[in-house]
């Protein structure tokens, strides 16, 4: 198996790119990375010149003032509690270019009555310095930017204790330095029905305690919980955030996401995966601290006898593809520090999941390479190009220059944590599938350019290779037939490269 194209550079600089993160959790040890809840700066203490002052005792609620003002108005909310109409559908409908500034102590309170705070399709809206709480958005809906308007700038707000998602994402949205905590479903739901979200920026936020309503228990298999959920987002920068203690995955990209950069985040203590990248494309994960994730979900699976290598980073039918335009044509995972997660990284490809298969849980969707999913059927799917293009493939993945450590004496491990994995299932379904048998298992492990190299391991790591029944030692992992982790070190011992 040839060494990947970037290996020569990595051999020279691996020691320089791996960051050193402190081992303990908490806002005091993560520097400026996303530690913003209860630490927001005192912004907008006075109304700026020309702003419309919203005094609820005199002027009525914010929605009334917005309706009576022209586009491009700046509204200033003084300290105190602001409320909307006594109606579940009481809401603020901004106009293009409107700006909403909250003075220190300004709270927009949904009172467990109003579903959404800011709605409809205005563009270039700014919301800064508000606390927005106690709204009751339904499942899969959001409180701020409910209808995913384009280029909203949402910064230095605390959006907490709401149903649904704290906010929805729109095209070119900028989400900076917000506290998104303790919301019923998500901190943010990045989804538009027309799949038109591009250029999303999520920077410097604290995203914690979300999925209070425990949606995966209420609706098993819904795939609808966690810190942030992304769907068909084309281009996202996710940097400098503190993503922690979410009930579910921290960051979950699901279905035809592409061109993601996830860097300089602290992602820790999430019940499920730190990062779940599913049937998506072209991704860089670099320079993150990834700690104690998936311990809750992993230990639950182990307790019921499930040996699947659930991990901190889970790539499910996701890979690099040069035919899908992006800043990279691989999935590149490097320079990260992993500590005491249930397991580290799992590369998985479901042999039965492809366009038009009943096993594809993202129904009515197809890969970015096939415009009509009905083409993915017998007999055409058995020959190229459909044989290749009807599948989302875990391919062109490079995992290098990372540090992986774990404590094997952690309660509940029992040999099920501290694993790395590349695997698939034995293809069986549907009967007309051309991917039955071991074809996908062989492809993901040997033929799809998935490489580990130049990593540093601390602890008794094991490796799941090919299928879930096969666990191999580091020596076996590095030799035939797997040939992985060239130039890796295990407990400080590095072989000659």
Protein backbone atom coordinates (compact mmCIF):
# COMPACT_ATOMS: atom_id res chain seq x y z
CA UNK A 1 0.00 0.00 0.00
CA UNK A 2 1.69 3.27 -1.07
CA UNK A 3 2.26 6.09 1.37
CA UNK A 4 -0.21 8.97 0.86
CA UNK A 5 0.93 12.07 -0.95
CA UNK A 6 1.34 14.28 2.13
CA UNK A 7 3.37 11.81 4.21
CA UNK A 8 6.81 13.22 3.36
CA UNK A 9 5.83 16.64 4.65
CA UNK A 10 4.29 15.15 7.78
CA UNK A 11 7.45 13.25 8.66
CA UNK A 12 9.27 16.59 8.89
CA UNK A 13 6.67 18.64 10.72
CA UNK A 14 4.53 16.22 12.74
CA UNK A 15 6.04 17.31 16.03
CA UNK A 16 5.27 20.94 15.25
CA UNK A 17 1.62 20.64 14.29
CA UNK A 18 0.27 18.54 17.15
CA UNK A 19 -1.10 20.95 19.77
CA UNK A 20 -0.79 20.46 23.50
CA UNK A 21 -4.09 20.88 25.31
CA UNK A 22 -4.59 20.68 29.07
CA UNK A 23 -6.09 17.48 30.36
CA UNK A 24 -8.74 18.91 32.67
CA UNK A 25 -12.09 20.24 31.57
CA UNK A 26 -13.65 23.61 32.23
CA UNK A 27 -13.76 27.19 31.03
CA UNK A 28 -10.61 28.11 32.92
CA UNK A 29 -8.41 25.76 30.89
CA UNK A 30 -9.54 26.42 27.35
CA UNK A 31 -8.35 29.99 27.00
CA UNK A 32 -10.49 32.07 24.69
CA UNK A 33 -12.03 29.07 22.96
CA UNK A 34 -15.77 29.50 23.24
CA UNK A 35 -15.95 30.12 27.01
CA UNK A 36 -18.76 32.66 26.72
CA UNK A 37 -21.76 31.48 28.79
CA UNK A 38 -22.16 33.85 31.76
CA UNK A 39 -19.15 35.79 30.43
CA UNK A 40 -20.69 37.94 27.71
CA UNK A 41 -19.22 41.44 27.45
CA UNK A 42 -21.33 44.44 28.45
CA UNK A 43 -22.32 45.53 24.95
CA UNK A 44 -24.66 48.32 23.85
CA UNK A 45 -25.04 50.10 27.21
CA UNK A 46 -26.65 53.05 25.45
CA UNK A 47 -28.75 53.44 22.33
CA UNK A 48 -26.56 54.36 19.34
CA UNK A 49 -27.44 57.54 17.42
CA UNK A 50 -30.53 57.08 15.29
CA UNK A 51 -31.61 53.85 16.96
CA UNK A 52 -35.24 53.16 17.79
CA UNK A 53 -35.54 52.57 21.53
CA UNK A 54 -37.97 49.78 22.40
CA UNK A 55 -39.60 50.42 25.78
CA UNK A 56 -42.23 47.71 26.22
CA UNK A 57 -44.07 49.79 28.82
CA UNK A 58 -44.52 52.62 26.34
CA UNK A 59 -44.07 51.33 22.80
CA UNK A 60 -45.54 47.83 22.88
CA UNK A 61 -43.49 44.80 21.99
CA UNK A 62 -40.56 44.55 19.61
CA UNK A 63 -42.65 43.06 16.82
CA UNK A 64 -44.88 46.15 16.75
CA UNK A 65 -41.91 48.54 16.52
CA UNK A 66 -40.35 46.42 13.77
CA UNK A 67 -43.54 46.45 11.73
CA UNK A 68 -43.85 50.24 11.92
CA UNK A 69 -40.20 50.96 10.99
CA UNK A 70 -38.50 50.94 7.58
CA UNK A 71 -35.91 48.37 6.49
CA UNK A 72 -32.43 48.96 7.83
CA UNK A 73 -33.57 50.23 11.24
CA UNK A 74 -31.47 49.70 14.35
CA UNK A 75 -33.49 48.77 17.45
CA UNK A 76 -32.09 49.13 20.98
CA UNK A 77 -33.58 47.07 23.79
CA UNK A 78 -32.89 48.53 27.26
CA UNK A 79 -32.28 46.31 30.31
CA UNK A 80 -35.27 44.33 31.49
CA UNK A 81 -37.64 41.65 30.21
CA UNK A 82 -39.17 42.08 26.77
CA UNK A 83 -42.14 40.00 25.66
CA UNK A 84 -44.05 39.34 22.47
CA UNK A 85 -47.78 39.00 21.84
CA UNK A 86 -49.92 36.72 24.01
CA UNK A 87 -50.05 34.21 21.20
CA UNK A 88 -48.07 31.12 20.28
CA UNK A 89 -47.31 32.79 16.96
CA UNK A 90 -46.23 36.11 18.42
CA UNK A 91 -42.92 36.80 16.65
CA UNK A 92 -40.60 39.49 15.33
CA UNK A 93 -40.49 39.69 11.51
CA UNK A 94 -37.37 41.69 10.62
CA UNK A 95 -36.93 43.65 7.41
CA UNK A 96 -33.79 43.64 5.28
CA UNK A 97 -30.85 45.14 7.12
CA UNK A 98 -32.52 45.46 10.52
CA UNK A 99 -30.27 45.38 13.60
CA UNK A 100 -31.33 44.39 17.12
CA UNK A 101 -29.04 45.42 19.98
CA UNK A 102 -29.58 44.34 23.56
CA UNK A 103 -28.24 46.38 26.45
CA UNK A 104 -26.71 44.42 29.33
CA UNK A 105 -29.62 42.66 31.01
CA UNK A 106 -31.99 42.82 28.03
CA UNK A 107 -34.00 39.59 27.89
CA UNK A 108 -36.48 38.52 25.22
CA UNK A 109 -38.70 36.01 27.02
CA UNK A 110 -41.00 33.60 25.20
CA UNK A 111 -42.66 32.67 28.52
CA UNK A 112 -43.23 29.08 27.39
CA UNK A 113 -45.84 30.51 24.99
CA UNK A 114 -44.25 31.95 21.84
CA UNK A 115 -42.81 29.46 19.36
CA UNK A 116 -40.22 31.63 17.65
CA UNK A 117 -38.49 34.94 18.30
CA UNK A 118 -37.18 36.10 14.87
CA UNK A 119 -38.73 34.73 11.68
CA UNK A 120 -39.24 35.01 7.90
CA UNK A 121 -36.85 35.72 5.03
CA UNK A 122 -35.26 39.13 5.56
CA UNK A 123 -31.59 39.37 4.65
CA UNK A 124 -28.59 40.95 6.41
CA UNK A 125 -30.19 41.00 9.85
CA UNK A 126 -27.97 41.54 12.92
CA UNK A 127 -28.85 40.31 16.41
CA UNK A 128 -26.35 41.21 19.12
CA UNK A 129 -26.23 41.23 22.90
CA UNK A 130 -29.61 39.69 23.77
CA UNK A 131 -30.66 36.89 26.06
CA UNK A 132 -33.39 34.92 24.26
CA UNK A 133 -35.08 32.25 26.33
CA UNK A 134 -38.17 30.19 27.10
CA UNK A 135 -39.49 29.89 23.54
CA UNK A 136 -41.18 26.63 22.54
CA UNK A 137 -40.16 25.85 18.97
CA UNK A 138 -41.44 22.44 17.81
CA UNK A 139 -39.13 19.60 16.84
CA UNK A 140 -36.74 20.45 13.97
CA UNK A 141 -37.62 24.16 14.16
CA UNK A 142 -35.66 27.03 15.66
CA UNK A 143 -36.18 30.18 17.71
CA UNK A 144 -33.84 32.66 15.98
CA UNK A 145 -33.85 32.92 12.18
CA UNK A 146 -36.69 30.42 12.16
CA UNK A 147 -36.99 30.48 8.35
CA UNK A 148 -33.26 30.51 7.52
CA UNK A 149 -32.95 33.99 6.05
CA UNK A 150 -29.69 34.81 4.25
CA UNK A 151 -26.65 36.41 5.88
CA UNK A 152 -27.82 36.92 9.43
CA UNK A 153 -25.10 37.92 11.87
CA UNK A 154 -25.86 36.49 15.31
CA UNK A 155 -23.26 37.34 17.92
CA UNK A 156 -22.74 37.76 21.66
CA UNK A 157 -26.20 36.45 22.51
CA UNK A 158 -27.29 33.92 25.11
CA UNK A 159 -29.98 31.68 23.61
CA UNK A 160 -31.06 29.17 26.22
CA UNK A 161 -33.82 27.03 27.66
CA UNK A 162 -35.87 26.92 24.47
CA UNK A 163 -37.67 24.09 22.71
CA UNK A 164 -36.35 22.90 19.36
CA UNK A 165 -33.13 24.62 18.26
CA UNK A 166 -31.75 27.88 19.59
CA UNK A 167 -31.34 29.02 16.01
CA UNK A 168 -31.61 27.94 12.42
CA UNK A 169 -28.92 28.64 9.82
CA UNK A 170 -29.24 30.49 6.55
CA UNK A 171 -26.95 31.09 3.61
CA UNK A 172 -23.70 32.87 4.61
CA UNK A 173 -24.82 33.08 8.23
CA UNK A 174 -22.27 34.22 10.83
CA UNK A 175 -22.69 32.81 14.33
CA UNK A 176 -20.09 34.26 16.69
CA UNK A 177 -19.47 34.25 20.43
CA UNK A 178 -22.93 33.07 21.44
CA UNK A 179 -23.95 30.93 24.38
CA UNK A 180 -26.24 28.23 22.96
CA UNK A 181 -27.16 26.09 25.92
CA UNK A 182 -29.79 23.83 27.41
CA UNK A 183 -32.12 23.93 24.43
CA UNK A 184 -34.59 21.12 23.83
CA UNK A 185 -33.11 19.72 20.63
CA UNK A 186 -30.09 21.56 19.17
CA UNK A 187 -27.90 24.57 19.72
CA UNK A 188 -28.27 25.16 15.96
CA UNK A 189 -30.08 23.37 13.14
CA UNK A 190 -28.35 24.13 9.83
CA UNK A 191 -31.03 23.11 7.37
CA UNK A 192 -33.03 24.68 4.55
CA UNK A 193 -35.59 22.73 2.50
CA UNK A 194 -33.88 23.95 -0.70
CA UNK A 195 -30.41 22.85 0.51
CA UNK A 196 -29.10 26.35 -0.20
CA UNK A 197 -26.84 27.01 2.80
CA UNK A 198 -23.30 27.98 1.78
CA UNK A 199 -20.48 29.82 3.49
CA UNK A 200 -21.58 29.17 7.09
CA UNK A 201 -19.36 30.50 9.89
CA UNK A 202 -19.63 29.18 13.46
CA UNK A 203 -16.89 30.79 15.56
CA UNK A 204 -16.13 31.24 19.22
CA UNK A 205 -19.42 29.94 20.59
CA UNK A 206 -20.14 27.86 23.67
CA UNK A 207 -22.55 25.09 22.70
CA UNK A 208 -23.53 23.04 25.72
CA UNK A 209 -26.22 20.99 27.38
CA UNK A 210 -28.45 20.78 24.32
CA UNK A 211 -31.00 18.04 23.57
CA UNK A 212 -32.57 18.50 26.99
CA UNK A 213 -35.68 16.78 25.61
CA UNK A 214 -33.68 13.64 24.77
CA UNK A 215 -35.09 13.22 21.28
CA UNK A 216 -33.32 9.96 20.46
CA UNK A 217 -35.14 8.29 23.35
CA UNK A 218 -38.48 9.87 22.48
CA UNK A 219 -38.11 9.05 18.78
CA UNK A 220 -35.56 6.23 18.37
CA UNK A 221 -33.54 6.44 15.19
CA UNK A 222 -34.66 9.98 14.38
CA UNK A 223 -31.10 11.30 14.07
CA UNK A 224 -32.33 14.57 15.53
CA UNK A 225 -30.25 15.59 18.53
CA UNK A 226 -27.03 17.18 19.70
CA UNK A 227 -25.05 20.39 19.74
CA UNK A 228 -25.35 21.30 16.03
CA UNK A 229 -26.92 19.36 13.16
CA UNK A 230 -25.93 20.20 9.57
CA UNK A 231 -27.82 19.02 6.49
CA UNK A 232 -26.64 19.66 2.90
CA UNK A 233 -24.44 22.60 3.89
CA UNK A 234 -21.93 23.48 1.18
CA UNK A 235 -19.03 25.20 2.92
CA UNK A 236 -18.72 25.70 6.68
CA UNK A 237 -15.96 26.98 8.96
CA UNK A 238 -16.39 25.80 12.55
CA UNK A 239 -13.59 27.19 14.67
CA UNK A 240 -12.74 28.17 18.19
CA UNK A 241 -15.91 26.80 19.78
CA UNK A 242 -16.37 25.00 23.10
CA UNK A 243 -18.80 22.15 22.40
CA UNK A 244 -19.50 20.23 25.56
CA UNK A 245 -21.95 18.18 27.62
CA UNK A 246 -24.51 17.89 24.84
CA UNK A 247 -26.92 14.99 25.13
CA UNK A 248 -25.99 13.35 21.85
CA UNK A 249 -23.32 14.24 19.28
CA UNK A 250 -21.44 17.50 19.53
CA UNK A 251 -21.28 18.27 15.79
CA UNK A 252 -23.34 16.13 13.38
CA UNK A 253 -23.16 16.66 9.61
CA UNK A 254 -25.74 14.47 7.91
CA UNK A 255 -26.42 14.04 4.17
CA UNK A 256 -24.48 15.74 1.37
CA UNK A 257 -22.58 18.23 3.46
CA UNK A 258 -19.36 19.34 1.80
CA UNK A 259 -16.29 21.51 2.28
CA UNK A 260 -16.14 21.68 6.09
CA UNK A 261 -13.24 23.01 8.14
CA UNK A 262 -13.39 22.10 11.84
CA UNK A 263 -10.43 23.63 13.65
CA UNK A 264 -9.23 24.93 17.02
CA UNK A 265 -12.28 23.73 18.93
CA UNK A 266 -12.54 22.08 22.33
CA UNK A 267 -15.08 19.26 22.00
CA UNK A 268 -15.57 17.34 25.21
CA UNK A 269 -17.96 15.37 27.41
CA UNK A 270 -20.66 14.93 24.78
CA UNK A 271 -22.79 11.84 25.36
CA UNK A 272 -22.24 10.58 21.80
CA UNK A 273 -19.71 11.44 19.09
CA UNK A 274 -17.65 14.59 19.16
CA UNK A 275 -17.95 14.78 15.35
CA UNK A 276 -20.29 12.62 13.27
CA UNK A 277 -19.80 13.10 9.51
CA UNK A 278 -22.40 11.10 7.58
CA UNK A 279 -22.87 10.54 3.80
CA UNK A 280 -20.92 13.72 3.13
CA UNK A 281 -17.77 14.99 1.40
CA UNK A 282 -14.43 16.81 1.69
CA UNK A 283 -13.51 17.78 5.24
CA UNK A 284 -10.57 19.02 7.32
CA UNK A 285 -10.48 18.39 11.08
CA UNK A 286 -7.37 19.94 12.61
CA UNK A 287 -5.94 21.26 15.86
CA UNK A 288 -8.89 20.36 18.09
CA UNK A 289 -8.94 19.07 21.67
CA UNK A 290 -11.32 16.09 21.68
CA UNK A 291 -11.87 14.71 25.17
CA UNK A 292 -14.17 12.25 26.95
CA UNK A 293 -16.73 12.00 24.16
CA UNK A 294 -19.05 9.06 23.51
CA UNK A 295 -18.41 7.59 26.95
CA UNK A 296 -22.14 7.55 27.77
CA UNK A 297 -23.29 6.08 24.45
CA UNK A 298 -20.32 3.74 24.15
CA UNK A 299 -20.75 2.25 27.61
CA UNK A 300 -24.47 1.74 26.97
CA UNK A 301 -23.73 -0.18 23.78
CA UNK A 302 -21.11 -2.29 25.49
CA UNK A 303 -23.48 -3.09 28.35
CA UNK A 304 -25.96 -4.62 25.92
CA UNK A 305 -23.28 -6.65 24.16
CA UNK A 306 -22.88 -4.46 21.07
CA UNK A 307 -19.24 -4.58 19.94
CA UNK A 308 -19.45 -1.86 17.27
CA UNK A 309 -16.47 0.53 17.67
CA UNK A 310 -18.41 3.70 18.41
CA UNK A 311 -15.93 6.58 18.42
CA UNK A 312 -15.20 10.24 19.06
CA UNK A 313 -14.99 10.90 15.31
CA UNK A 314 -17.33 8.75 13.26
CA UNK A 315 -17.11 8.90 9.47
CA UNK A 316 -20.09 7.07 8.02
CA UNK A 317 -20.11 6.72 4.22
CA UNK A 318 -18.13 9.96 3.93
CA UNK A 319 -14.98 10.72 2.02
CA UNK A 320 -13.03 12.99 -0.23
CA UNK A 321 -14.04 13.33 -3.87
CA UNK A 322 -12.27 15.64 -6.38
CA UNK A 323 -15.45 15.83 -8.46
CA UNK A 324 -17.27 17.69 -5.67
CA UNK A 325 -15.79 21.24 -5.59
CA UNK A 326 -14.28 22.19 -2.25
CA UNK A 327 -11.10 23.55 -0.63
CA UNK A 328 -9.85 19.99 -0.30
CA UNK A 329 -10.52 16.73 -2.11
CA UNK A 330 -9.84 14.48 0.88
CA UNK A 331 -10.93 14.07 4.47
CA UNK A 332 -7.84 15.20 6.37
CA UNK A 333 -7.70 14.68 10.15
CA UNK A 334 -4.48 15.97 11.70
CA UNK A 335 -2.90 17.80 14.59
CA UNK A 336 -5.66 16.89 17.06
CA UNK A 337 -5.31 15.80 20.68
CA UNK A 338 -7.62 12.93 21.69
CA UNK A 339 -7.90 12.08 25.39
CA UNK A 340 -10.07 9.50 27.17
CA UNK A 341 -12.80 9.22 24.59
CA UNK A 342 -14.63 5.90 24.45
CA UNK A 343 -12.73 5.22 21.22
CA UNK A 344 -10.94 7.42 18.72
CA UNK A 345 -11.86 7.34 15.01
CA UNK A 346 -14.11 4.92 13.14
CA UNK A 347 -14.29 4.75 9.35
CA UNK A 348 -17.48 2.93 8.44
CA UNK A 349 -19.33 2.17 5.24
CA UNK A 350 -22.66 0.38 5.29
CA UNK A 351 -22.58 -2.02 2.34
CA UNK A 352 -26.38 -1.87 2.07
CA UNK A 353 -26.69 1.93 2.09
CA UNK A 354 -26.71 3.62 -1.30
CA UNK A 355 -29.03 5.68 -3.50
CA UNK A 356 -32.44 4.10 -3.93
CA UNK A 357 -31.74 1.37 -1.39
CA UNK A 358 -34.38 0.74 1.28
CA UNK A 359 -31.45 0.76 3.73
CA UNK A 360 -30.73 4.44 3.03
CA UNK A 361 -32.22 6.25 6.01
CA UNK A 362 -31.82 9.62 4.25
CA UNK A 363 -34.81 8.82 2.09
CA UNK A 364 -35.34 10.46 -1.32
CA UNK A 365 -31.71 11.64 -1.42
CA UNK A 366 -28.85 10.58 -3.65
CA UNK A 367 -25.15 11.31 -3.89
CA UNK A 368 -23.91 14.56 -5.37
CA UNK A 369 -22.81 12.57 -8.41
CA UNK A 370 -26.21 11.25 -9.54
CA UNK A 371 -29.06 13.65 -10.31
CA UNK A 372 -31.82 11.04 -10.59
CA UNK A 373 -31.76 8.45 -7.81
CA UNK A 374 -34.07 6.19 -9.83
CA UNK A 375 -31.09 5.46 -12.09
CA UNK A 376 -29.59 3.58 -9.15
CA UNK A 377 -31.45 0.36 -9.84
CA UNK A 378 -30.86 -2.96 -11.53
CA UNK A 379 -29.45 -3.62 -14.02
CA UNK A 380 -27.68 -0.28 -14.60
CA UNK A 381 -26.27 0.07 -11.08
CA UNK A 382 -24.16 -3.04 -11.58
CA UNK A 383 -21.92 -1.30 -14.13
CA UNK A 384 -19.82 1.85 -14.03
CA UNK A 385 -20.24 4.74 -13.58
CA UNK A 386 -23.40 4.06 -11.54
CA UNK A 387 -21.72 1.22 -9.64
CA UNK A 388 -19.34 3.81 -8.16
CA UNK A 389 -21.47 6.95 -8.17
CA UNK A 390 -24.60 5.56 -6.50
CA UNK A 391 -22.64 4.99 -3.27
CA UNK A 392 -21.47 7.44 -0.66
CA UNK A 393 -17.95 6.12 -0.05
CA UNK A 394 -15.65 6.31 2.93
CA UNK A 395 -12.60 7.04 0.82
CA UNK A 396 -9.53 9.28 0.56
CA UNK A 397 -9.30 9.70 4.34
CA UNK A 398 -5.94 10.68 5.87
CA UNK A 399 -5.45 10.48 9.65
CA UNK A 400 -2.03 11.70 10.71
CA UNK A 401 0.02 13.66 13.24
CA UNK A 402 -2.58 13.22 15.99
CA UNK A 403 -2.09 12.20 19.62
CA UNK A 404 -4.38 9.46 20.96
CA UNK A 405 -4.43 8.60 24.66
CA UNK A 406 -6.78 6.83 27.01
CA UNK A 407 -6.88 5.33 30.49
CA UNK A 408 -7.69 1.60 30.20
CA UNK A 409 -8.70 1.48 33.87
CA UNK A 410 -11.65 3.80 33.32
CA UNK A 411 -14.81 2.12 34.66
CA UNK A 412 -16.86 0.32 32.03
CA UNK A 413 -14.12 -0.06 29.43
CA UNK A 414 -13.70 -3.87 29.62
CA UNK A 415 -11.65 -3.84 26.41
CA UNK A 416 -14.32 -2.01 24.39
CA UNK A 417 -12.77 1.46 24.44
CA UNK A 418 -9.39 2.57 23.14
CA UNK A 419 -10.08 1.29 19.65
CA UNK A 420 -9.49 2.60 16.13
CA UNK A 421 -11.50 1.13 13.26
CA UNK A 422 -11.97 0.81 9.52
CA UNK A 423 -14.79 -1.56 8.65
CA UNK A 424 -18.00 -2.44 6.85
CA UNK A 425 -20.72 -5.03 7.14
CA UNK A 426 -21.30 -8.04 4.91
CA UNK A 427 -23.61 -6.81 2.15
CA UNK A 428 -26.99 -8.57 2.04
CA UNK A 429 -29.75 -6.14 1.05
CA UNK A 430 -31.67 -5.51 -1.17
CA UNK A 431 -31.60 -8.63 -3.36
CA UNK A 432 -30.66 -6.61 -6.48
CA UNK A 433 -27.74 -4.84 -4.76
CA UNK A 434 -24.42 -5.27 -6.59
CA UNK A 435 -22.56 -4.68 -3.28
CA UNK A 436 -23.44 -7.91 -1.51
CA UNK A 437 -20.84 -10.06 0.18
CA UNK A 438 -17.44 -8.73 1.23
CA UNK A 439 -16.95 -6.28 -1.64
CA UNK A 440 -17.35 -3.13 0.46
CA UNK A 441 -15.39 -4.58 3.38
CA UNK A 442 -12.44 -5.16 1.07
CA UNK A 443 -12.80 -1.78 -0.59
CA UNK A 444 -12.88 0.36 2.56
CA UNK A 445 -9.97 -1.49 4.16
CA UNK A 446 -7.70 -1.85 1.14
CA UNK A 447 -8.79 -0.02 -2.00
CA UNK A 448 -10.27 3.39 -1.12
CA UNK A 449 -7.10 5.26 -0.07
CA UNK A 450 -7.81 5.37 3.66
CA UNK A 451 -4.55 5.83 5.59
CA UNK A 452 -3.35 6.33 9.13
CA UNK A 453 0.26 7.48 9.55
CA UNK A 454 2.62 9.37 11.86
CA UNK A 455 0.26 9.29 14.84
CA UNK A 456 1.26 9.04 18.50
CA UNK A 457 -0.49 6.52 20.77
CA UNK A 458 -0.46 6.34 24.56
CA UNK A 459 -2.17 3.34 26.14
CA UNK A 460 -3.05 -0.21 25.03
CA UNK A 461 -4.75 0.62 21.73
CA UNK A 462 -6.34 -2.02 19.54
CA UNK A 463 -7.62 -1.81 15.97
CA UNK A 464 -10.79 -3.14 14.35
CA UNK A 465 -10.03 -4.02 10.75
CA UNK A 466 -12.39 -5.03 7.97
CA UNK A 467 -15.34 -6.13 10.09
CA UNK A 468 -16.44 -5.85 13.70
CA UNK A 469 -15.34 -9.38 14.59
CA UNK A 470 -11.64 -8.74 13.85
CA UNK A 471 -9.47 -6.91 16.38
CA UNK A 472 -5.74 -6.62 15.72
CA UNK A 473 -2.70 -5.47 17.67
CA UNK A 474 -0.54 -2.47 16.75
CA UNK A 475 2.01 -4.80 15.14
CA UNK A 476 -0.66 -6.48 13.04
CA UNK A 477 -2.18 -3.08 12.17
CA UNK A 478 1.15 -1.87 10.82
CA UNK A 479 1.86 -4.97 8.73
CA UNK A 480 0.24 -7.04 5.98
CA UNK A 481 -2.55 -7.05 5.05
CA UNK A 482 -3.52 -3.74 6.75
CA UNK A 483 -0.31 -1.68 6.34
CA UNK A 484 -1.54 1.21 8.48
CA UNK A 485 0.16 3.78 10.74
CA UNK A 486 3.53 3.96 9.07
CA UNK A 487 5.87 6.00 11.28
CA UNK A 488 3.48 5.91 14.24
CA UNK A 489 4.74 5.77 17.80
CA UNK A 490 3.27 3.58 20.52
CA UNK A 491 3.98 4.65 24.10
CA UNK A 492 6.98 6.63 22.90
CA UNK A 493 8.52 3.93 20.68
CA UNK A 494 8.75 4.97 17.01
CA UNK A 495 9.88 2.49 14.38
CA UNK A 496 12.32 3.43 11.67
CA UNK A 497 10.48 5.09 8.80
